[in-house]
Protein backbone atom coordinates (compact mmCIF):
# COMPACT_ATOMS: atom_id res chain seq x y z
CA MET A 1 17.28 -16.77 -25.43
CA ASP A 2 17.04 -14.43 -22.17
CA CYS A 3 14.00 -14.72 -20.05
CA VAL A 4 12.71 -12.49 -17.46
CA PHE A 5 10.52 -13.99 -14.87
CA ASP A 6 8.19 -11.78 -12.80
CA LEU A 7 8.01 -13.28 -8.79
CA ASP A 8 4.85 -10.86 -8.34
CA HIS A 9 2.85 -12.03 -11.44
CA GLY A 10 4.10 -15.58 -11.44
CA LYS A 11 4.63 -15.16 -15.33
CA CYS A 12 7.70 -15.66 -17.29
CA ASP A 13 8.64 -15.04 -21.07
CA CYS A 14 9.39 -18.70 -21.82
CA GLY A 15 5.78 -19.39 -21.08
CA VAL A 16 6.81 -22.79 -19.98
CA TYR A 17 5.57 -21.66 -16.51
CA ALA A 18 2.14 -20.28 -17.68
CA VAL A 19 1.43 -23.75 -19.68
CA GLU A 20 2.73 -26.37 -17.10
CA LYS A 21 2.26 -24.24 -13.74
CA ILE A 22 5.79 -25.76 -12.22
CA PRO A 23 8.75 -23.73 -12.04
CA CYS A 24 10.63 -23.18 -15.33
CA SER A 25 14.68 -22.70 -15.03
CA HIS A 26 13.86 -19.19 -14.58
CA ALA A 27 11.39 -19.30 -12.37
CA ILE A 28 13.57 -21.31 -10.02
CA ALA A 29 16.64 -19.15 -10.64
CA SER A 30 14.43 -15.99 -9.70
CA GLY A 31 12.83 -17.50 -6.69
CA THR A 32 16.22 -18.86 -5.32
CA SER A 33 17.95 -15.42 -5.71
CA ALA A 34 14.82 -13.89 -3.99
CA GLY A 35 15.40 -16.28 -0.96
CA LEU A 36 11.70 -18.59 -1.82
CA HIS A 37 11.57 -22.13 -1.42
CA ILE A 38 10.70 -23.62 -4.87
CA SER A 39 7.89 -25.27 -3.77
CA THR A 40 5.91 -22.11 -3.06
CA LEU A 41 6.31 -21.45 -7.01
CA VAL A 42 4.47 -24.80 -7.74
CA CYS A 43 0.54 -24.40 -8.56
CA PRO A 44 -1.78 -25.70 -5.58
CA VAL A 45 -3.02 -28.15 -7.83
CA TYR A 46 0.21 -30.22 -8.07
CA SER A 47 -0.16 -30.28 -3.92
CA LYS A 48 -0.76 -33.72 -1.49
CA ASP A 49 -4.11 -32.14 -0.56
CA PHE A 50 -5.10 -31.92 -3.90
CA LEU A 51 -4.06 -35.58 -4.52
CA PHE A 52 -5.66 -36.59 -1.69
CA ALA A 53 -9.25 -34.83 -2.48
CA GLY A 54 -8.92 -36.38 -5.64
CA TYR A 55 -9.13 -39.67 -4.10
CA SER A 56 -11.10 -38.90 -0.94
CA GLU A 57 -14.87 -40.39 -2.55
CA ASN A 58 -15.56 -43.38 -3.56
CA ILE A 59 -16.06 -44.02 -7.65
CA TYR A 60 -18.67 -46.35 -8.38
CA PRO A 61 -18.51 -48.07 -11.96
CA CYS A 62 -21.91 -47.42 -14.29
């Protein structure tokens, strides 16, 4: 299956990138050939900052 990844809009014909928000093989290939670091293609919700924010407050049992 030939897929096209649109770097400007973050869309790929395979649909994996739209669902999982992590680079599919097509996004990695496109980003690499464009000279981008792959981490820039990952959705920010998977970042260290979001992980730390999720644990920044205390959670008390009911």
